[in-house]
Amino acid sequence: MRPAAVHPFNAVLRLAIGASLSLLLAKLTDSDSWGVFFTIGPVLLLGLLPTLNAFLLKQFVASTVVSGSIVFIYQWLGGYGPVLTLLLFGYFFWLFRLMAGGVFFVFAATALINSSIFLHFASYPGLDAGAMLENSVLANLAAMLIALSLTYLLPTAPPPPRPAPPVVPTSHLLVLAFLVTSSFLAFQWLDLKDSLSAQASTVLILLPLQFSAIVQAGLKRATGVLLGSAYAVLCQVLLYNHYQQIALVLPLFFLGMLLFARAQQKEGPGSGVAFGGMTTMAIIFGQYLTPSQDMMYSALYRISSVTVAVGIMLAIATCAFHALAKGNKN
């Protein structure tokens, strides 16, 4: 098949089609337990990366391998404890250091997100880590195949070169590692197993690395989750008792992704309001669109849990960075 002509709207179509194909694949393979792996991959690849090449895709694959290794270490140590806490703190600090360097940002950012999701699932009693990682690898391979195919069939103009990343002090990276580690421990101690979106949100808002940008990212993330969840609720109202029928759900999912992808194009690249809406839709439709789940309850729960989690994370981050700034002055 010959590629279409270069057009800016192709980027919007790539995102909507890629996410929809992944959702369909998850349902056709009966992967409801791991549906979020299938739906989130194309959103990350096509929504965050300005372009696709072999170097970036290798980073994407490597992040899954490293994140899976962390899960096996988590299970080997028998859950959280002092040793695991120190290990995770060092691991998160290493990832933030790589992000600050810029070259391996994709590896470090996706490893941070994957680790958050994997560790969240690993807290479920009786989890089959092998099955989880097997589905994750399958979903990532499918996401890369879909993303590469759509990038070829729906080309866009080459993105402008990105400026060099700002220098982030080591003390700031230590604070960020402390925040992610604290988030993980809090969700473990409070036994919040159904708060995947909330825990992931506390990690995603830290990706800008700088405090002022983190605050903006938190506000945008909360707004995006509200809009994405509201759209999911609207879909269930429209479908009534037929929201388990994938033939009816898929067009609405595609339309929602199309709207958010277009909004992201207007908003600009990166993790903004529109990206928050897309990831929220990917999580709700991918993970909670099952016969045993009420999608409306899941959407309403996402709104409240993410708002609270992001609010608490921003409050702690504000205190931590202000304390750091005060200590530096002294």
C-alpha atoms as a PDB file:
ATOM      1  CA  MET A   1       0.000   0.000   0.000  1.00  0.00           C
ATOM      2  CA  ARG A   2       1.351   3.412  -0.948  1.00  0.00           C
ATOM      3  CA  PRO A   3       1.610   6.061   1.789  1.00  0.00           C
ATOM      4  CA  ALA A   4      -0.739   9.018   1.799  1.00  0.00           C
ATOM      5  CA  ALA A   5       0.415  12.533   1.051  1.00  0.00           C
ATOM      6  CA  VAL A   6       2.158  14.411   3.847  1.00  0.00           C
ATOM      7  CA  HIS A   7      -0.470  16.272   5.868  1.00  0.00           C
ATOM      8  CA  PRO A   8      -0.533  17.607   9.472  1.00  0.00           C
ATOM      9  CA  PHE A   9      -3.847  15.832  10.185  1.00  0.00           C
ATOM     10  CA  ASN A  10      -2.126  12.494   9.548  1.00  0.00           C
ATOM     11  CA  ALA A  11      -0.647  12.688  13.048  1.00  0.00           C
ATOM     12  CA  VAL A  12      -4.173  12.887  14.485  1.00  0.00           C
ATOM     13  CA  LEU A  13      -5.358   9.933  12.423  1.00  0.00           C
ATOM     14  CA  ARG A  14      -2.314   7.868  13.414  1.00  0.00           C
ATOM     15  CA  LEU A  15      -3.071   8.265  17.105  1.00  0.00           C
ATOM     16  CA  ALA A  16      -6.777   7.528  16.835  1.00  0.00           C
ATOM     17  CA  ILE A  17      -6.347   4.550  14.505  1.00  0.00           C
ATOM     18  CA  GLY A  18      -3.378   3.139  16.440  1.00  0.00           C
ATOM     19  CA  ALA A  19      -5.135   3.232  19.809  1.00  0.00           C
ATOM     20  CA  SER A  20      -8.321   1.774  18.319  1.00  0.00           C
ATOM     21  CA  LEU A  21      -6.469  -1.105  16.665  1.00  0.00           C
ATOM     22  CA  SER A  22      -4.755  -1.894  19.963  1.00  0.00           C
ATOM     23  CA  LEU A  23      -8.057  -1.894  21.840  1.00  0.00           C
ATOM     24  CA  LEU A  24      -9.527  -4.231  19.220  1.00  0.00           C
ATOM     25  CA  LEU A  25      -6.483  -6.518  19.510  1.00  0.00           C
ATOM     26  CA  ALA A  26      -6.827  -6.653  23.290  1.00  0.00           C
ATOM     27  CA  LYS A  27     -10.484  -7.678  23.030  1.00  0.00           C
ATOM     28  CA  LEU A  28      -9.933 -10.189  20.220  1.00  0.00           C
ATOM     29  CA  THR A  29      -7.138 -11.915  22.166  1.00  0.00           C
ATOM     30  CA  ASP A  30      -9.224 -11.895  25.367  1.00  0.00           C
ATOM     31  CA  SER A  31      -6.543  -9.899  27.184  1.00  0.00           C
ATOM     32  CA  ASP A  32      -8.899  -7.977  29.460  1.00  0.00           C
ATOM     33  CA  SER A  33      -6.679  -8.491  32.503  1.00  0.00           C
ATOM     34  CA  TRP A  34      -3.817  -6.718  30.726  1.00  0.00           C
ATOM     35  CA  GLY A  35      -5.762  -4.504  28.326  1.00  0.00           C
ATOM     36  CA  VAL A  36      -4.006  -1.343  29.492  1.00  0.00           C
ATOM     37  CA  PHE A  37      -0.717  -2.667  28.085  1.00  0.00           C
ATOM     38  CA  PHE A  38      -2.252  -2.830  24.610  1.00  0.00           C
ATOM     39  CA  THR A  39      -4.024   0.532  24.606  1.00  0.00           C
ATOM     40  CA  ILE A  40      -1.338   2.653  26.295  1.00  0.00           C
ATOM     41  CA  GLY A  41       1.553   1.655  23.998  1.00  0.00           C
ATOM     42  CA  PRO A  42       0.429   3.407  20.785  1.00  0.00           C
ATOM     43  CA  VAL A  43      -0.585   6.474  22.792  1.00  0.00           C
ATOM     44  CA  LEU A  44       2.939   6.749  24.215  1.00  0.00           C
ATOM     45  CA  LEU A  45       4.686   6.041  20.905  1.00  0.00           C
ATOM     46  CA  LEU A  46       2.499   8.223  18.690  1.00  0.00           C
ATOM     47  CA  GLY A  47       1.505  10.852  21.255  1.00  0.00           C
ATOM     48  CA  LEU A  48       4.808  11.657  22.958  1.00  0.00           C
ATOM     49  CA  LEU A  49       7.547  10.860  20.436  1.00  0.00           C
ATOM     50  CA  PRO A  50       8.060  13.444  17.666  1.00  0.00           C
ATOM     51  CA  THR A  51       9.400  10.740  15.348  1.00  0.00           C
ATOM     52  CA  LEU A  52      10.115   6.999  15.284  1.00  0.00           C
ATOM     53  CA  ASN A  53      13.508   5.454  14.577  1.00  0.00           C
ATOM     54  CA  ALA A  54      15.437   2.328  15.508  1.00  0.00           C
ATOM     55  CA  PHE A  55      17.245   4.019  18.408  1.00  0.00           C
ATOM     56  CA  LEU A  56      14.020   5.165  20.072  1.00  0.00           C
ATOM     57  CA  LEU A  57      12.299   1.809  19.523  1.00  0.00           C
ATOM     58  CA  LYS A  58      15.250  -0.016  21.104  1.00  0.00           C
ATOM     59  CA  GLN A  59      14.855   2.213  24.133  1.00  0.00           C
ATOM     60  CA  PHE A  60      11.147   1.394  24.234  1.00  0.00           C
ATOM     61  CA  VAL A  61      11.866  -2.358  24.231  1.00  0.00           C
ATOM     62  CA  ALA A  62      14.711  -2.092  26.737  1.00  0.00           C
ATOM     63  CA  SER A  63      12.483  -0.228  29.181  1.00  0.00           C
ATOM     64  CA  THR A  64      10.089  -3.195  29.271  1.00  0.00           C
ATOM     65  CA  VAL A  65      12.931  -5.636  29.996  1.00  0.00           C
ATOM     66  CA  VAL A  66      14.342  -3.498  32.806  1.00  0.00           C
ATOM     67  CA  SER A  67      10.899  -2.852  34.317  1.00  0.00           C
ATOM     68  CA  GLY A  68      10.113  -6.581  34.228  1.00  0.00           C
ATOM     69  CA  SER A  69      13.347  -7.321  36.082  1.00  0.00           C
ATOM     70  CA  ILE A  70      12.299  -4.924  38.830  1.00  0.00           C
ATOM     71  CA  VAL A  71       9.050  -6.870  39.265  1.00  0.00           C
ATOM     72  CA  PHE A  72      10.898 -10.154  39.750  1.00  0.00           C
ATOM     73  CA  ILE A  73      13.160  -8.486  42.324  1.00  0.00           C
ATOM     74  CA  TYR A  74      10.050  -7.116  44.054  1.00  0.00           C
ATOM     75  CA  GLN A  75       8.546 -10.601  44.296  1.00  0.00           C
ATOM     76  CA  TRP A  76      11.869 -12.174  45.308  1.00  0.00           C
ATOM     77  CA  LEU A  77      12.157  -9.733  48.224  1.00  0.00           C
ATOM     78  CA  GLY A  78       8.578 -10.547  49.246  1.00  0.00           C
ATOM     79  CA  GLY A  79       7.055  -7.111  48.776  1.00  0.00           C
ATOM     80  CA  TYR A  80       8.052  -3.747  50.137  1.00  0.00           C
ATOM     81  CA  GLY A  81      10.591  -3.364  52.931  1.00  0.00           C
ATOM     82  CA  PRO A  82      13.719  -1.344  53.772  1.00  0.00           C
ATOM     83  CA  VAL A  83      15.886  -3.138  51.207  1.00  0.00           C
ATOM     84  CA  LEU A  84      13.335  -2.750  48.400  1.00  0.00           C
ATOM     85  CA  THR A  85      12.734   0.887  49.339  1.00  0.00           C
ATOM     86  CA  LEU A  86      16.426   1.728  49.016  1.00  0.00           C
ATOM     87  CA  LEU A  87      16.674  -0.273  45.809  1.00  0.00           C
ATOM     88  CA  LEU A  88      13.704   1.520  44.236  1.00  0.00           C
ATOM     89  CA  PHE A  89      15.000   4.912  45.346  1.00  0.00           C
ATOM     90  CA  GLY A  90      18.330   4.233  43.638  1.00  0.00           C
ATOM     91  CA  TYR A  91      16.574   2.854  40.549  1.00  0.00           C
ATOM     92  CA  PHE A  92      14.278   5.876  40.223  1.00  0.00           C
ATOM     93  CA  PHE A  93      17.198   8.268  40.769  1.00  0.00           C
ATOM     94  CA  TRP A  94      19.102   6.510  37.953  1.00  0.00           C
ATOM     95  CA  LEU A  95      16.126   6.880  35.622  1.00  0.00           C
ATOM     96  CA  PHE A  96      15.704  10.585  36.394  1.00  0.00           C
ATOM     97  CA  ARG A  97      19.425  11.097  35.833  1.00  0.00           C
ATOM     98  CA  LEU A  98      19.112   9.488  32.392  1.00  0.00           C
ATOM     99  CA  MET A  99      16.116  11.690  31.606  1.00  0.00           C
ATOM    100  CA  ALA A 100      18.064  14.783  32.563  1.00  0.00           C
ATOM    101  CA  GLY A 101      20.792  13.744  30.137  1.00  0.00           C
ATOM    102  CA  GLY A 102      18.317  13.775  27.247  1.00  0.00           C
ATOM    103  CA  VAL A 103      19.793  11.036  25.042  1.00  0.00           C
ATOM    104  CA  PHE A 104      18.039   8.155  26.826  1.00  0.00           C
ATOM    105  CA  PHE A 105      14.955  10.114  27.855  1.00  0.00           C
ATOM    106  CA  VAL A 106      12.578   7.703  26.083  1.00  0.00           C
ATOM    107  CA  PHE A 107      14.075   4.668  27.823  1.00  0.00           C
ATOM    108  CA  ALA A 108      14.053   6.301  31.244  1.00  0.00           C
ATOM    109  CA  ALA A 109      10.559   7.831  30.959  1.00  0.00           C
ATOM    110  CA  THR A 110       8.904   4.645  29.652  1.00  0.00           C
ATOM    111  CA  ALA A 111      10.794   2.534  32.219  1.00  0.00           C
ATOM    112  CA  LEU A 112       9.492   4.843  34.950  1.00  0.00           C
ATOM    113  CA  ILE A 113       5.919   4.536  33.663  1.00  0.00           C
ATOM    114  CA  ASN A 114       6.191   0.772  33.060  1.00  0.00           C
ATOM    115  CA  SER A 115       7.712   0.171  36.475  1.00  0.00           C
ATOM    116  CA  SER A 116       4.883   2.089  38.102  1.00  0.00           C
ATOM    117  CA  ILE A 117       2.271   0.002  36.258  1.00  0.00           C
ATOM    118  CA  PHE A 118       4.102  -3.310  36.748  1.00  0.00           C
ATOM    119  CA  LEU A 119       4.666  -2.745  40.457  1.00  0.00           C
ATOM    120  CA  HIS A 120       1.031  -1.734  40.835  1.00  0.00           C
ATOM    121  CA  PHE A 121      -0.103  -5.044  39.318  1.00  0.00           C
ATOM    122  CA  ALA A 122       2.564  -6.935  41.287  1.00  0.00           C
ATOM    123  CA  SER A 123       0.844  -5.848  44.499  1.00  0.00           C
ATOM    124  CA  TYR A 124      -2.185  -7.963  43.526  1.00  0.00           C
ATOM    125  CA  PRO A 125      -2.238 -11.243  45.484  1.00  0.00           C
ATOM    126  CA  GLY A 126      -1.620 -14.300  43.334  1.00  0.00           C
ATOM    127  CA  LEU A 127      -0.273 -12.318  40.392  1.00  0.00           C
ATOM    128  CA  ASP A 128       1.359 -14.374  37.640  1.00  0.00           C
ATOM    129  CA  ALA A 129       4.350 -12.159  36.852  1.00  0.00           C
ATOM    130  CA  GLY A 130       5.263 -14.312  33.864  1.00  0.00           C
ATOM    131  CA  ALA A 131       1.834 -13.857  32.278  1.00  0.00           C
ATOM    132  CA  MET A 132       1.945 -10.116  32.948  1.00  0.00           C
ATOM    133  CA  LEU A 133       5.337  -9.670  31.292  1.00  0.00           C
ATOM    134  CA  GLU A 134       4.391 -11.967  28.410  1.00  0.00           C
ATOM    135  CA  ASN A 135       1.343  -9.824  27.668  1.00  0.00           C
ATOM    136  CA  SER A 136       3.399  -6.657  28.060  1.00  0.00           C
ATOM    137  CA  VAL A 137       5.981  -7.836  25.522  1.00  0.00           C
ATOM    138  CA  LEU A 138       3.214  -8.880  23.106  1.00  0.00           C
ATOM    139  CA  ALA A 139       1.473  -5.538  23.543  1.00  0.00           C
ATOM    140  CA  ASN A 140       4.718  -3.594  22.993  1.00  0.00           C
ATOM    141  CA  LEU A 141       5.534  -5.545  19.834  1.00  0.00           C
ATOM    142  CA  ALA A 142       2.005  -4.898  18.548  1.00  0.00           C
ATOM    143  CA  ALA A 143       2.300  -1.206  19.455  1.00  0.00           C
ATOM    144  CA  MET A 144       5.590  -0.856  17.572  1.00  0.00           C
ATOM    145  CA  LEU A 145       4.224  -2.672  14.512  1.00  0.00           C
ATOM    146  CA  ILE A 146       1.095  -0.521  14.492  1.00  0.00           C
ATOM    147  CA  ALA A 147       3.049   2.706  15.088  1.00  0.00           C
ATOM    148  CA  LEU A 148       5.604   1.968  12.365  1.00  0.00           C
ATOM    149  CA  SER A 149       2.914   0.964   9.864  1.00  0.00           C
ATOM    150  CA  LEU A 150       0.837   4.073  10.500  1.00  0.00           C
ATOM    151  CA  THR A 151       3.909   6.302  10.434  1.00  0.00           C
ATOM    152  CA  TYR A 152       4.670   4.955   6.953  1.00  0.00           C
ATOM    153  CA  LEU A 153       1.085   5.073   5.673  1.00  0.00           C
ATOM    154  CA  LEU A 154       0.255   8.476   7.207  1.00  0.00           C
ATOM    155  CA  PRO A 155       3.464  10.538   7.005  1.00  0.00           C
ATOM    156  CA  THR A 156       3.939  13.976   8.482  1.00  0.00           C
ATOM    157  CA  ALA A 157       6.575  16.638   7.997  1.00  0.00           C
ATOM    158  CA  PRO A 158       9.812  16.097   9.979  1.00  0.00           C
ATOM    159  CA  PRO A 159       9.581  17.747  13.412  1.00  0.00           C
ATOM    160  CA  PRO A 160      11.821  20.737  14.161  1.00  0.00           C
ATOM    161  CA  PRO A 161      14.948  19.963  16.217  1.00  0.00           C
ATOM    162  CA  ARG A 162      14.352  20.040  19.937  1.00  0.00           C
ATOM    163  CA  PRO A 163      16.408  22.387  22.109  1.00  0.00           C
ATOM    164  CA  ALA A 164      18.977  20.912  24.453  1.00  0.00           C
ATOM    165  CA  PRO A 165      17.446  19.819  27.786  1.00  0.00           C
ATOM    166  CA  PRO A 166      17.983  22.219  30.694  1.00  0.00           C
ATOM    167  CA  VAL A 167      20.537  21.303  33.323  1.00  0.00           C
ATOM    168  CA  VAL A 168      18.845  19.700  36.341  1.00  0.00           C
ATOM    169  CA  PRO A 169      20.825  19.736  39.613  1.00  0.00           C
ATOM    170  CA  THR A 170      21.491  16.382  41.287  1.00  0.00           C
ATOM    171  CA  SER A 171      19.641  17.596  44.387  1.00  0.00           C
ATOM    172  CA  HIS A 172      16.482  18.041  42.298  1.00  0.00           C
ATOM    173  CA  LEU A 173      16.838  14.519  40.889  1.00  0.00           C
ATOM    174  CA  LEU A 174      17.115  13.152  44.429  1.00  0.00           C
ATOM    175  CA  VAL A 175      13.886  14.951  45.351  1.00  0.00           C
ATOM    176  CA  LEU A 176      12.135  13.491  42.302  1.00  0.00           C
ATOM    177  CA  ALA A 177      13.327   9.967  43.196  1.00  0.00           C
ATOM    178  CA  PHE A 178      12.066  10.521  46.749  1.00  0.00           C
ATOM    179  CA  LEU A 179       8.659  11.622  45.439  1.00  0.00           C
ATOM    180  CA  VAL A 180       8.207   8.567  43.174  1.00  0.00           C
ATOM    181  CA  THR A 181       9.368   6.189  45.911  1.00  0.00           C
ATOM    182  CA  SER A 182       6.994   7.818  48.403  1.00  0.00           C
ATOM    183  CA  SER A 183       4.127   7.490  45.924  1.00  0.00           C
ATOM    184  CA  PHE A 184       4.797   3.774  45.479  1.00  0.00           C
ATOM    185  CA  LEU A 185       4.998   3.149  49.240  1.00  0.00           C
ATOM    186  CA  ALA A 186       1.845   5.160  49.929  1.00  0.00           C
ATOM    187  CA  PHE A 187      -0.212   3.165  47.428  1.00  0.00           C
ATOM    188  CA  GLN A 188       1.174  -0.062  48.921  1.00  0.00           C
ATOM    189  CA  TRP A 189       0.518   0.844  52.545  1.00  0.00           C
ATOM    190  CA  LEU A 190      -2.985   2.154  51.804  1.00  0.00           C
ATOM    191  CA  ASP A 191      -3.713  -0.952  49.681  1.00  0.00           C
ATOM    192  CA  LEU A 192      -5.028   1.114  46.761  1.00  0.00           C
ATOM    193  CA  LYS A 193      -4.985  -1.705  44.214  1.00  0.00           C
ATOM    194  CA  ASP A 194      -7.712  -0.162  42.028  1.00  0.00           C
ATOM    195  CA  SER A 195      -5.933   3.174  41.622  1.00  0.00           C
ATOM    196  CA  LEU A 196      -3.712   2.456  38.636  1.00  0.00           C
ATOM    197  CA  SER A 197      -4.515   5.752  36.920  1.00  0.00           C
ATOM    198  CA  ALA A 198      -3.892   7.736  40.108  1.00  0.00           C
ATOM    199  CA  GLN A 199      -0.502   6.128  40.761  1.00  0.00           C
ATOM    200  CA  ALA A 200       0.560   6.542  37.128  1.00  0.00           C
ATOM    201  CA  SER A 201      -0.507  10.200  37.277  1.00  0.00           C
ATOM    202  CA  THR A 202       1.785  10.897  40.243  1.00  0.00           C
ATOM    203  CA  VAL A 203       4.666   9.649  38.074  1.00  0.00           C
ATOM    204  CA  LEU A 204       3.688  11.300  34.772  1.00  0.00           C
ATOM    205  CA  ILE A 205       3.522  14.800  36.260  1.00  0.00           C
ATOM    206  CA  LEU A 206       7.179  14.526  37.341  1.00  0.00           C
ATOM    207  CA  LEU A 207       8.530  13.921  33.821  1.00  0.00           C
ATOM    208  CA  PRO A 208       9.205  17.652  33.152  1.00  0.00           C
ATOM    209  CA  LEU A 209      11.851  17.407  35.948  1.00  0.00           C
ATOM    210  CA  GLN A 210      11.590  21.084  36.945  1.00  0.00           C
ATOM    211  CA  PHE A 211       9.286  22.277  39.721  1.00  0.00           C
ATOM    212  CA  SER A 212       7.397  24.999  37.832  1.00  0.00           C
ATOM    213  CA  ALA A 213       6.757  22.630  34.931  1.00  0.00           C
ATOM    214  CA  ILE A 214       5.704  19.861  37.342  1.00  0.00           C
ATOM    215  CA  VAL A 215       3.005  22.103  38.826  1.00  0.00           C
ATOM    216  CA  GLN A 216       1.687  22.926  35.356  1.00  0.00           C
ATOM    217  CA  ALA A 217       1.823  19.237  34.394  1.00  0.00           C
ATOM    218  CA  GLY A 218      -0.164  18.298  37.506  1.00  0.00           C
ATOM    219  CA  LEU A 219      -2.925  20.770  36.728  1.00  0.00           C
ATOM    220  CA  LYS A 220      -3.029  19.668  33.090  1.00  0.00           C
ATOM    221  CA  ARG A 221      -3.037  16.005  34.065  1.00  0.00           C
ATOM    222  CA  ALA A 222      -5.970  16.458  36.450  1.00  0.00           C
ATOM    223  CA  THR A 223      -7.896  18.385  33.787  1.00  0.00           C
ATOM    224  CA  GLY A 224      -7.151  15.737  31.177  1.00  0.00           C
ATOM    225  CA  VAL A 225      -8.298  12.930  33.467  1.00  0.00           C
ATOM    226  CA  LEU A 226     -11.524  14.836  34.154  1.00  0.00           C
ATOM    227  CA  LEU A 227     -12.216  15.251  30.427  1.00  0.00           C
ATOM    228  CA  GLY A 228     -11.215  11.687  29.529  1.00  0.00           C
ATOM    229  CA  SER A 229     -13.338  10.231  32.322  1.00  0.00           C
ATOM    230  CA  ALA A 230     -16.288  12.457  31.405  1.00  0.00           C
ATOM    231  CA  TYR A 231     -16.113  11.173  27.833  1.00  0.00           C
ATOM    232  CA  ALA A 232     -16.049   7.558  29.075  1.00  0.00           C
ATOM    233  CA  VAL A 233     -19.131   8.230  31.218  1.00  0.00           C
ATOM    234  CA  LEU A 234     -20.888   9.813  28.219  1.00  0.00           C
ATOM    235  CA  CYS A 235     -20.086   6.725  26.146  1.00  0.00           C
ATOM    236  CA  GLN A 236     -21.605   4.420  28.734  1.00  0.00           C
ATOM    237  CA  VAL A 237     -24.730   6.583  28.960  1.00  0.00           C
ATOM    238  CA  LEU A 238     -25.112   6.464  25.183  1.00  0.00           C
ATOM    239  CA  LEU A 239     -24.533   2.713  25.023  1.00  0.00           C
ATOM    240  CA  TYR A 240     -26.607   1.944  28.134  1.00  0.00           C
ATOM    241  CA  ASN A 241     -26.447  -1.852  28.595  1.00  0.00           C
ATOM    242  CA  HIS A 242     -24.514  -2.444  25.374  1.00  0.00           C
ATOM    243  CA  TYR A 243     -21.141  -1.077  26.465  1.00  0.00           C
ATOM    244  CA  GLN A 244     -19.682  -4.614  26.358  1.00  0.00           C
ATOM    245  CA  GLN A 245     -20.248  -4.787  22.580  1.00  0.00           C
ATOM    246  CA  ILE A 246     -16.887  -3.944  21.018  1.00  0.00           C
ATOM    247  CA  ALA A 247     -18.523  -3.184  17.643  1.00  0.00           C
ATOM    248  CA  LEU A 248     -20.438  -0.350  19.336  1.00  0.00           C
ATOM    249  CA  VAL A 249     -17.645   0.765  21.655  1.00  0.00           C
ATOM    250  CA  LEU A 250     -14.872   0.973  19.061  1.00  0.00           C
ATOM    251  CA  PRO A 251     -16.349   3.848  16.970  1.00  0.00           C
ATOM    252  CA  LEU A 252     -16.916   5.925  20.125  1.00  0.00           C
ATOM    253  CA  PHE A 253     -13.396   5.159  21.357  1.00  0.00           C
ATOM    254  CA  PHE A 254     -11.989   6.154  17.963  1.00  0.00           C
ATOM    255  CA  LEU A 255     -13.975   9.408  17.983  1.00  0.00           C
ATOM    256  CA  GLY A 256     -12.766  10.281  21.492  1.00  0.00           C
ATOM    257  CA  MET A 257      -9.151   9.575  20.586  1.00  0.00           C
ATOM    258  CA  LEU A 258      -9.562  11.624  17.410  1.00  0.00           C
ATOM    259  CA  LEU A 259     -10.850  14.620  19.379  1.00  0.00           C
ATOM    260  CA  PHE A 260      -8.103  14.439  22.000  1.00  0.00           C
ATOM    261  CA  ALA A 261      -5.391  13.860  19.370  1.00  0.00           C
ATOM    262  CA  ARG A 262      -6.576  16.946  17.486  1.00  0.00           C
ATOM    263  CA  ALA A 263      -6.609  18.899  20.737  1.00  0.00           C
ATOM    264  CA  GLN A 264      -3.039  17.786  21.436  1.00  0.00           C
ATOM    265  CA  GLN A 265      -1.995  18.972  17.993  1.00  0.00           C
ATOM    266  CA  LYS A 266      -3.435  22.402  18.815  1.00  0.00           C
ATOM    267  CA  GLU A 267      -2.002  22.353  22.347  1.00  0.00           C
ATOM    268  CA  GLY A 268       1.508  21.373  21.300  1.00  0.00           C
ATOM    269  CA  PRO A 269       3.672  18.273  21.820  1.00  0.00           C
ATOM    270  CA  GLY A 270       4.224  16.717  25.198  1.00  0.00           C
ATOM    271  CA  SER A 271       2.155  15.620  28.157  1.00  0.00           C
ATOM    272  CA  GLY A 272      -0.610  18.212  28.365  1.00  0.00           C
ATOM    273  CA  VAL A 273      -4.368  18.239  28.930  1.00  0.00           C
ATOM    274  CA  ALA A 274      -5.133  16.336  25.732  1.00  0.00           C
ATOM    275  CA  PHE A 275      -2.498  13.672  26.414  1.00  0.00           C
ATOM    276  CA  GLY A 276      -3.969  13.209  29.898  1.00  0.00           C
ATOM    277  CA  GLY A 277      -7.373  12.676  28.319  1.00  0.00           C
ATOM    278  CA  MET A 278      -5.997  10.101  25.873  1.00  0.00           C
ATOM    279  CA  THR A 279      -4.161   8.070  28.504  1.00  0.00           C
ATOM    280  CA  THR A 280      -7.233   8.152  30.744  1.00  0.00           C
ATOM    281  CA  MET A 281      -9.385   6.818  27.926  1.00  0.00           C
ATOM    282  CA  ALA A 282      -6.764   4.165  27.165  1.00  0.00           C
ATOM    283  CA  ILE A 283      -6.772   2.977  30.785  1.00  0.00           C
ATOM    284  CA  ILE A 284     -10.553   3.006  31.250  1.00  0.00           C
ATOM    285  CA  PHE A 285     -11.450   1.364  27.934  1.00  0.00           C
ATOM    286  CA  GLY A 286      -8.479  -1.006  27.969  1.00  0.00           C
ATOM    287  CA  GLN A 287      -8.565  -2.169  31.579  1.00  0.00           C
ATOM    288  CA  TYR A 288     -12.101  -1.633  32.835  1.00  0.00           C
ATOM    289  CA  LEU A 289     -14.263  -2.410  29.807  1.00  0.00           C
ATOM    290  CA  THR A 290     -14.976  -5.971  30.969  1.00  0.00           C
ATOM    291  CA  PRO A 291     -18.112  -7.891  32.006  1.00  0.00           C
ATOM    292  CA  SER A 292     -17.019  -7.757  35.660  1.00  0.00           C
ATOM    293  CA  GLN A 293     -16.402  -3.984  35.682  1.00  0.00           C
ATOM    294  CA  ASP A 294     -18.690  -0.975  35.673  1.00  0.00           C
ATOM    295  CA  MET A 295     -17.053   1.523  33.334  1.00  0.00           C
ATOM    296  CA  MET A 296     -19.060   4.436  34.730  1.00  0.00           C
ATOM    297  CA  TYR A 297     -17.982   3.667  38.294  1.00  0.00           C
ATOM    298  CA  SER A 298     -14.389   3.278  37.088  1.00  0.00           C
ATOM    299  CA  ALA A 299     -14.508   6.645  35.313  1.00  0.00           C
ATOM    300  CA  LEU A 300     -15.956   8.460  38.324  1.00  0.00           C
ATOM    301  CA  TYR A 301     -13.433   6.763  40.601  1.00  0.00           C
ATOM    302  CA  ARG A 302     -10.592   7.842  38.275  1.00  0.00           C
ATOM    303  CA  ILE A 303     -11.685  11.493  38.574  1.00  0.00           C
ATOM    304  CA  SER A 304     -11.688  11.507  42.373  1.00  0.00           C
ATOM    305  CA  SER A 305      -8.603   9.344  42.895  1.00  0.00           C
ATOM    306  CA  VAL A 306      -6.423  11.182  40.358  1.00  0.00           C
ATOM    307  CA  THR A 307      -7.484  14.597  41.671  1.00  0.00           C
ATOM    308  CA  VAL A 308      -6.602  13.627  45.233  1.00  0.00           C
ATOM    309  CA  ALA A 309      -3.353  11.855  44.280  1.00  0.00           C
ATOM    310  CA  VAL A 310      -2.102  14.688  42.066  1.00  0.00           C
ATOM    311  CA  GLY A 311      -3.086  17.277  44.672  1.00  0.00           C
ATOM    312  CA  ILE A 312      -1.179  15.461  47.418  1.00  0.00           C
ATOM    313  CA  MET A 313       1.846  14.910  45.161  1.00  0.00           C
ATOM    314  CA  LEU A 314       1.961  18.602  44.229  1.00  0.00           C
ATOM    315  CA  ALA A 315       1.693  19.601  47.892  1.00  0.00           C
ATOM    316  CA  ILE A 316       4.558  17.293  48.886  1.00  0.00           C
ATOM    317  CA  ALA A 317       6.628  18.404  45.876  1.00  0.00           C
ATOM    318  CA  THR A 318       6.078  22.058  46.810  1.00  0.00           C
ATOM    319  CA  CYS A 319       7.251  21.444  50.380  1.00  0.00           C
ATOM    320  CA  ALA A 320      10.244  19.392  49.249  1.00  0.00           C
ATOM    321  CA  PHE A 321      11.471  21.861  46.618  1.00  0.00           C
ATOM    322  CA  HIS A 322      10.910  24.865  48.893  1.00  0.00           C
ATOM    323  CA  ALA A 323      12.859  23.126  51.664  1.00  0.00           C
ATOM    324  CA  LEU A 324      15.624  22.371  49.165  1.00  0.00           C
ATOM    325  CA  ALA A 325      15.708  25.994  47.987  1.00  0.00           C
ATOM    326  CA  LYS A 326      15.819  27.245  51.592  1.00  0.00           C
ATOM    327  CA  GLY A 327      18.637  24.833  52.406  1.00  0.00           C
ATOM    328  CA  ASN A 328      20.637  25.992  49.373  1.00  0.00           C
ATOM    329  CA  LYS A 329      20.320  29.634  50.481  1.00  0.00           C
ATOM    330  CA  ASN A 330      21.619  28.775  53.931  1.00  0.00           C
END
